[in-house]
C-alpha cells in the first residue's frame, strides 16, 4: 500500500478543511491560536508533501531546502509577500493563492475603518465605557464622507471594490494605479484616475489597496505625508509596510495628519528582516487618533472557511497530478528548462 502524503497546516483550520484533506492525506494541524515559529514549521514540514500556509508563515529558500519532499504550498491568502515564489519555483514547488475571496470583506472593512476614524466612533465608544453617558456634549466632532475627496492608491480588485462601496456616500473619488487600462476605467465613471502626487495633494482620505513589493514598501513616508492636505486621514487595510509607521506618528504629533486607521502593521511583514518589532507606541496610546484592527480584513466566518477550502483543494490538485487553481508559479517550466540545459 502506497504511503499517504503528509500535509501540514500551520494554524487552526475549520473542521471541513481538515476533513477534506484527510480524505487523501495524513494531516498535521497546529491546534493553538499562537502560530508556530519559523523553525517549528520547517521541522514539521521536513517530510511533508503539502503545506497549508497563512499570513504568519515565512517561506524562503532555506526553508524549502530543508523540506525536500514538499510539492505544493497552498497559501490561504491573496498577498504572498511572505513567501519567496522564485525560490519555490526553483525548488520545484507549486505556490497557490486565493485570488478573489478576500476582496469584498477587505473592502467592507476599509469603509468601516474610514467611518470609524472620521466620525470618532472608537473614541466615543471608549468614552462611554470609561466615563458613562451623561447626555449630549459638544465633543467628538469629526469628518464625514459626504463631500470629501477620497484617494484610492491601487485600483485592482480591492481598490475597485472600495470605490464601488463609496459610490453611494456622495464623495469625490480619485484613484492611482499605473497598470489600469483605459478600457477598465470606462466601467468606473464615478472615479477619476490621476497621478500619485495629485491624489496625495487633494485627498481628505487616502486609502491604500496595494500589494507589498520592493517598490511599494513605505510608499507612504515622511515626504509623502508632507505633500498631503493638512488634516488628511490615512487608511491602510492592505499591508503594514506600505506605511512608515514612525513617519505617521510624527505627522500626527505635529498635526499634519488627523488620524490613521489600519488593519495591517509593519511588525507582521515577516519577510522584511529590518521590520519594526512592534507598532510605534505613539500610535497605540489611548489618546492617539487611530483606529486599529488585528488583521481581520477577510475575517468573515464563511469567507475564511471558503478561503481555506480553496487552498486545500489546490494542494490536493497538485498531489493528484493536476494543475492547481490559483497558481502563481509553474515549477514544470523550471524543470523543463533544467532538463534542456543538462542535454
Protein backbone atom coordinates (compact mmCIF):
# COMPACT_ATOMS: atom_id res chain seq x y z
CA UNK A 1 0.00 0.00 0.00
CA UNK A 2 1.36 3.39 -1.00
CA UNK A 3 2.26 5.76 1.82
CA UNK A 4 -0.27 8.53 2.33
CA UNK A 5 1.08 12.01 1.67
CA UNK A 6 1.54 14.35 4.60
CA UNK A 7 0.05 17.85 4.72
CA UNK A 8 0.88 20.42 7.41
CA UNK A 9 -1.45 23.28 8.38
CA UNK A 10 0.41 25.90 10.39
CA UNK A 11 -2.67 27.41 12.06
CA UNK A 12 -6.03 26.09 13.27
CA UNK A 13 -8.39 25.23 10.43
CA UNK A 14 -12.10 24.64 10.07
CA UNK A 15 -13.29 21.04 10.56
CA UNK A 16 -14.39 20.97 6.90
CA UNK A 17 -10.87 21.85 5.77
CA UNK A 18 -9.28 19.12 7.88
CA UNK A 19 -11.85 16.57 6.75
CA UNK A 20 -11.27 17.39 3.08
CA UNK A 21 -7.51 16.99 3.39
CA UNK A 22 -7.79 13.81 5.45
CA UNK A 23 -9.63 12.11 2.61
CA UNK A 24 -6.33 11.96 0.75
CA UNK A 25 -3.55 12.57 3.28
CA UNK A 26 -2.26 12.47 6.81
CA UNK A 27 -2.83 15.95 8.21
CA UNK A 28 -0.88 17.72 10.95
CA UNK A 29 -2.60 20.86 12.25
CA UNK A 30 -1.42 23.46 14.72
CA UNK A 31 -4.31 23.43 17.24
CA UNK A 32 -3.33 26.64 19.04
CA UNK A 33 -4.09 30.25 18.19
CA UNK A 34 -0.40 31.09 18.63
CA UNK A 35 1.30 30.47 15.26
CA UNK A 36 4.21 28.08 15.06
CA UNK A 37 7.54 29.91 14.70
CA UNK A 38 9.64 29.54 11.57
CA UNK A 39 11.85 26.74 12.89
CA UNK A 40 8.92 24.68 14.13
CA UNK A 41 7.11 24.97 10.81
CA UNK A 42 10.26 23.93 8.98
CA UNK A 43 10.73 20.96 11.32
CA UNK A 44 7.13 19.83 10.83
CA UNK A 45 7.50 20.10 7.05
CA UNK A 46 10.75 18.15 6.65
CA UNK A 47 8.80 15.11 5.47
CA UNK A 48 5.67 16.91 4.26
CA UNK A 49 4.28 16.82 0.73
CA UNK A 50 1.96 19.78 1.12
CA UNK A 51 1.79 22.91 3.26
CA UNK A 52 -1.33 24.93 4.05
CA UNK A 53 0.26 28.30 4.82
CA UNK A 54 -1.06 31.51 6.36
CA UNK A 55 -0.06 35.14 6.83
CA UNK A 56 2.03 34.19 9.87
CA UNK A 57 4.43 31.99 7.89
CA UNK A 58 7.71 32.86 6.20
CA UNK A 59 8.82 30.55 3.42
CA UNK A 60 12.26 31.18 1.90
CA UNK A 61 14.97 29.25 0.08
CA UNK A 62 16.43 27.91 3.33
CA UNK A 63 13.05 26.59 4.39
CA UNK A 64 12.50 24.87 1.05
CA UNK A 65 15.97 23.31 1.07
CA UNK A 66 15.14 21.64 4.38
CA UNK A 67 11.86 20.22 3.04
CA UNK A 68 12.83 18.11 0.00
CA UNK A 69 9.51 16.26 -0.26
CA UNK A 70 7.42 19.42 -0.42
CA UNK A 71 5.47 19.67 -3.67
CA UNK A 72 2.94 22.41 -3.02
CA UNK A 73 2.30 25.42 -0.77
CA UNK A 74 -1.38 26.28 -0.66
CA UNK A 75 -1.50 29.78 0.79
CA UNK A 76 -4.78 30.75 2.46
CA UNK A 77 -4.25 34.36 1.44
CA UNK A 78 -4.06 36.68 -1.55
CA UNK A 79 -0.87 38.69 -0.97
CA UNK A 80 2.11 36.34 -0.82
CA UNK A 81 4.96 38.70 0.06
CA UNK A 82 5.84 36.37 2.95
CA UNK A 83 6.60 33.51 0.52
CA UNK A 84 9.51 33.51 -1.92
CA UNK A 85 7.77 32.46 -5.14
CA UNK A 86 11.01 32.32 -7.12
CA UNK A 87 12.63 30.04 -4.55
CA UNK A 88 9.55 27.80 -4.65
CA UNK A 89 9.77 27.56 -8.43
CA UNK A 90 13.48 26.74 -8.27
CA UNK A 91 12.72 24.02 -5.71
CA UNK A 92 10.02 22.51 -7.91
CA UNK A 93 7.23 23.54 -5.53
CA UNK A 94 3.87 24.92 -6.65
CA UNK A 95 2.64 28.05 -4.89
CA UNK A 96 -1.06 28.80 -4.94
CA UNK A 97 -3.07 31.69 -3.52
CA UNK A 98 -6.77 32.53 -3.19
CA UNK A 99 -7.12 35.47 -5.57
CA UNK A 100 -10.70 36.62 -5.21
CA UNK A 101 -12.46 35.61 -1.97
CA UNK A 102 -10.76 38.29 0.17
CA UNK A 103 -11.85 41.23 -1.99
CA UNK A 104 -15.31 42.05 -0.67
CA UNK A 105 -14.66 41.62 3.08
CA UNK A 106 -11.46 43.67 2.83
CA UNK A 107 -13.31 46.46 1.02
CA UNK A 108 -16.06 46.39 3.64
CA UNK A 109 -13.54 46.70 6.44
CA UNK A 110 -11.85 49.61 4.66
CA UNK A 111 -15.15 51.50 4.68
CA UNK A 112 -15.61 50.66 8.37
CA UNK A 113 -12.14 51.97 9.18
CA UNK A 114 -12.81 55.19 7.30
CA UNK A 115 -16.08 55.83 9.11
CA UNK A 116 -14.66 54.88 12.50
CA UNK A 117 -11.69 57.19 12.03
CA UNK A 118 -13.56 60.16 10.61
CA UNK A 119 -16.56 60.03 12.94
CA UNK A 120 -14.62 59.20 16.15
CA UNK A 121 -16.65 56.03 16.69
CA UNK A 122 -13.98 54.22 18.69
CA UNK A 123 -13.19 57.27 20.81
CA UNK A 124 -16.87 57.78 21.54
CA UNK A 125 -17.35 54.13 22.48
CA UNK A 126 -14.32 54.29 24.78
CA UNK A 127 -15.64 57.46 26.44
CA UNK A 128 -18.99 55.90 27.31
CA UNK A 129 -17.46 52.69 28.60
CA UNK A 130 -14.94 54.54 30.77
CA UNK A 131 -16.96 57.52 31.96
CA UNK A 132 -20.60 56.67 31.35
CA UNK A 133 -23.08 58.68 29.27
CA UNK A 134 -24.50 61.89 30.69
CA UNK A 135 -26.18 63.32 27.62
CA UNK A 136 -25.08 65.18 24.51
CA UNK A 137 -21.94 67.28 24.74
CA UNK A 138 -20.21 69.43 22.13
CA UNK A 139 -17.36 66.98 21.56
CA UNK A 140 -16.16 64.20 19.27
CA UNK A 141 -16.78 66.28 16.18
CA UNK A 142 -15.13 64.64 13.19
CA UNK A 143 -15.35 64.40 9.42
CA UNK A 144 -17.86 62.60 7.23
CA UNK A 145 -17.54 61.13 3.77
CA UNK A 146 -20.19 63.25 2.02
CA UNK A 147 -18.39 65.97 0.11
CA UNK A 148 -14.94 64.57 0.91
CA UNK A 149 -12.29 63.66 -1.64
CA UNK A 150 -11.17 60.05 -1.23
CA UNK A 151 -7.99 58.86 -2.94
CA UNK A 152 -7.56 55.13 -3.53
CA UNK A 153 -3.96 54.08 -4.11
CA UNK A 154 -4.07 50.85 -6.09
CA UNK A 155 -7.04 50.05 -8.30
CA UNK A 156 -7.04 46.28 -8.56
CA UNK A 157 -9.89 44.11 -7.29
CA UNK A 158 -9.82 45.53 -3.76
CA UNK A 159 -9.42 49.14 -4.88
CA UNK A 160 -12.35 48.84 -7.28
CA UNK A 161 -14.49 47.14 -4.62
CA UNK A 162 -13.77 50.02 -2.23
CA UNK A 163 -14.72 52.54 -4.91
CA UNK A 164 -17.98 50.72 -5.66
CA UNK A 165 -18.96 50.84 -1.99
CA UNK A 166 -18.06 54.51 -1.68
CA UNK A 167 -20.15 55.48 -4.71
CA UNK A 168 -23.23 55.99 -2.55
CA UNK A 169 -21.50 58.23 0.00
CA UNK A 170 -21.53 61.33 -2.21
CA UNK A 171 -17.77 61.74 -2.12
CA UNK A 172 -15.35 62.55 -4.92
CA UNK A 173 -13.26 59.51 -5.84
CA UNK A 174 -9.68 59.66 -7.14
CA UNK A 175 -7.57 56.61 -7.94
CA UNK A 176 -3.95 55.96 -8.81
CA UNK A 177 -2.68 52.80 -10.48
CA UNK A 178 -0.11 52.71 -13.26
CA UNK A 179 -1.34 49.37 -14.58
CA UNK A 180 -5.03 50.19 -15.07
CA UNK A 181 -6.17 50.22 -18.70
CA UNK A 182 -8.39 52.96 -20.21
CA UNK A 183 -10.91 50.25 -21.11
CA UNK A 184 -11.33 49.33 -17.47
CA UNK A 185 -11.90 52.93 -16.45
CA UNK A 186 -14.88 53.19 -18.83
CA UNK A 187 -16.71 50.95 -16.38
CA UNK A 188 -15.78 53.28 -13.50
CA UNK A 189 -17.33 56.62 -14.49
CA UNK A 190 -17.55 57.77 -10.88
CA UNK A 191 -13.75 57.50 -10.41
CA UNK A 192 -11.12 59.91 -11.73
CA UNK A 193 -7.69 58.40 -12.44
CA UNK A 194 -4.86 60.73 -11.56
CA UNK A 195 -1.17 60.77 -10.67
CA UNK A 196 0.10 59.78 -7.25
CA UNK A 197 1.25 63.28 -6.33
CA UNK A 198 -2.07 64.80 -7.38
CA UNK A 199 -4.05 62.24 -5.38
CA UNK A 200 -1.93 62.80 -2.29
CA UNK A 201 -2.30 66.57 -2.51
CA UNK A 202 -6.09 66.63 -3.00
CA UNK A 203 -7.45 63.80 -0.84
CA UNK A 204 -9.15 64.17 2.53
CA UNK A 205 -8.95 60.39 2.97
CA UNK A 206 -6.22 58.25 1.42
CA UNK A 207 -6.91 54.51 1.26
CA UNK A 208 -4.17 52.00 0.39
CA UNK A 209 -5.12 48.99 -1.74
CA UNK A 210 -1.71 47.84 -2.95
CA UNK A 211 0.32 44.64 -2.71
CA UNK A 212 3.60 44.86 -0.81
CA UNK A 213 6.61 44.83 -3.12
CA UNK A 214 10.08 46.33 -3.08
CA UNK A 215 8.63 49.29 -4.99
CA UNK A 216 5.63 49.87 -2.72
CA UNK A 217 7.30 49.46 0.66
CA UNK A 218 6.97 52.79 2.54
CA UNK A 219 5.08 54.37 -0.35
CA UNK A 220 3.70 56.48 2.48
CA UNK A 221 6.71 58.10 4.14
CA UNK A 222 7.64 61.48 5.60
CA UNK A 223 7.95 63.02 2.13
CA UNK A 224 4.57 61.65 1.04
CA UNK A 225 2.88 62.87 4.20
CA UNK A 226 4.37 66.35 3.87
CA UNK A 227 2.66 66.63 0.48
CA UNK A 228 -0.77 65.68 1.87
CA UNK A 229 -3.53 68.13 2.68
CA UNK A 230 -3.19 69.30 6.29
CA UNK A 231 -5.57 67.21 8.38
CA UNK A 232 -5.85 64.32 5.91
CA UNK A 233 -6.71 60.86 7.19
CA UNK A 234 -4.85 57.70 6.13
CA UNK A 235 -6.44 54.23 5.95
CA UNK A 236 -4.45 51.02 5.40
CA UNK A 237 -6.36 47.74 5.03
CA UNK A 238 -3.61 46.20 2.87
CA UNK A 239 -0.05 45.57 4.15
CA UNK A 240 1.65 47.26 7.09
CA UNK A 241 4.94 48.04 5.41
CA UNK A 242 3.28 50.17 2.77
CA UNK A 243 3.46 52.76 5.54
CA UNK A 244 6.38 54.10 7.56
CA UNK A 245 4.58 54.00 10.90
CA UNK A 246 7.17 56.20 12.58
CA UNK A 247 6.61 58.90 9.97
CA UNK A 248 2.86 58.63 10.56
CA UNK A 249 3.33 59.04 14.31
CA UNK A 250 5.49 62.12 13.70
CA UNK A 251 2.87 63.60 11.37
CA UNK A 252 0.04 63.06 13.84
CA UNK A 253 2.11 64.67 16.60
CA UNK A 254 2.61 67.84 14.57
CA UNK A 255 -0.96 67.92 13.27
CA UNK A 256 -0.23 67.17 9.61
CA UNK A 257 -2.40 64.02 9.77
CA UNK A 258 -5.73 63.98 11.60
CA UNK A 259 -5.61 60.23 12.05
CA UNK A 260 -4.52 56.78 10.91
CA UNK A 261 -6.57 53.58 10.63
CA UNK A 262 -5.02 50.23 9.81
CA UNK A 263 -5.70 46.51 9.71
CA UNK A 264 -2.09 45.52 8.98
CA UNK A 265 1.22 46.55 10.54
CA UNK A 266 4.91 46.65 9.74
CA UNK A 267 5.83 44.22 12.53
CA UNK A 268 3.97 41.34 10.84
CA UNK A 269 5.68 41.51 7.45
CA UNK A 270 7.94 38.57 8.29
CA UNK A 271 9.94 38.59 5.07
CA UNK A 272 11.40 42.04 5.85
CA UNK A 273 14.41 41.50 8.07
CA UNK A 274 14.67 45.05 9.42
CA UNK A 275 10.95 45.49 10.15
CA UNK A 276 9.93 47.02 13.50
CA UNK A 277 9.17 44.54 16.27
CA UNK A 278 6.06 46.40 17.44
CA UNK A 279 3.67 49.17 16.48
CA UNK A 280 5.03 52.60 17.35
CA UNK A 281 3.68 53.18 20.90
CA UNK A 282 2.69 56.73 20.00
CA UNK A 283 0.11 55.22 17.65
CA UNK A 284 -1.32 52.83 20.24
CA UNK A 285 -1.62 55.39 23.06
CA UNK A 286 -5.20 55.74 24.28
CA UNK A 287 -5.26 59.38 23.24
CA UNK A 288 -3.97 58.74 19.71
CA UNK A 289 -6.39 59.49 16.82
CA UNK A 290 -6.02 55.98 15.47
CA UNK A 291 -8.28 53.01 14.78
CA UNK A 292 -6.64 49.59 14.62
CA UNK A 293 -8.00 46.11 13.93
CA UNK A 294 -5.96 42.87 14.24
CA UNK A 295 -5.69 41.95 10.54
CA UNK A 296 -9.33 40.94 10.16
CA UNK A 297 -9.80 42.17 6.60
CA UNK A 298 -11.02 38.76 5.43
CA UNK A 299 -12.31 37.80 8.87
CA UNK A 300 -15.84 36.82 7.86
CA UNK A 301 -16.52 33.26 9.02
CA UNK A 302 -17.98 31.92 5.79
CA UNK A 303 -15.31 33.67 3.73
CA UNK A 304 -12.47 32.28 5.84
CA UNK A 305 -13.92 28.78 5.51
CA UNK A 306 -14.05 29.10 1.73
CA UNK A 307 -10.51 30.52 1.61
CA UNK A 308 -9.17 27.50 3.49
CA UNK A 309 -11.13 25.05 1.35
CA UNK A 310 -9.89 26.71 -1.83
CA UNK A 311 -6.27 26.45 -0.66
CA UNK A 312 -6.83 22.84 0.43
CA UNK A 313 -8.28 21.88 -2.95
CA UNK A 314 -5.25 23.37 -4.68
CA UNK A 315 -2.95 21.25 -2.52
CA UNK A 316 -4.91 18.11 -3.36
CA UNK A 317 -4.84 19.01 -7.06
CA UNK A 318 -1.04 19.03 -7.07
CA UNK A 319 -0.78 15.80 -5.11
CA UNK A 320 -3.12 14.21 -7.68
CA UNK A 321 -1.03 15.44 -10.58
CA UNK A 322 -3.38 18.23 -11.66
CA UNK A 323 -2.62 21.89 -12.34
CA UNK A 324 -3.89 23.76 -9.26
CA UNK A 325 -6.26 26.70 -9.12
CA UNK A 326 -4.68 29.99 -8.04
CA UNK A 327 -1.12 29.05 -9.02
CA UNK A 328 1.29 31.98 -9.11
CA UNK A 329 4.17 29.92 -10.49
CA UNK A 330 4.74 26.87 -12.67
CA UNK A 331 7.64 24.70 -11.47
CA UNK A 332 7.19 22.46 -14.52
CA UNK A 333 8.76 25.20 -16.65
CA UNK A 334 11.76 25.40 -14.33
CA UNK A 335 12.13 21.62 -14.53
CA UNK A 336 11.89 21.66 -18.32
CA UNK A 337 14.49 24.44 -18.50
CA UNK A 338 16.87 22.48 -16.26
CA UNK A 339 16.39 19.37 -18.39
CA UNK A 340 17.18 21.25 -21.60
CA UNK A 341 20.35 22.74 -20.10
CA UNK A 342 21.54 19.29 -19.00
CA UNK A 343 21.32 17.84 -22.51
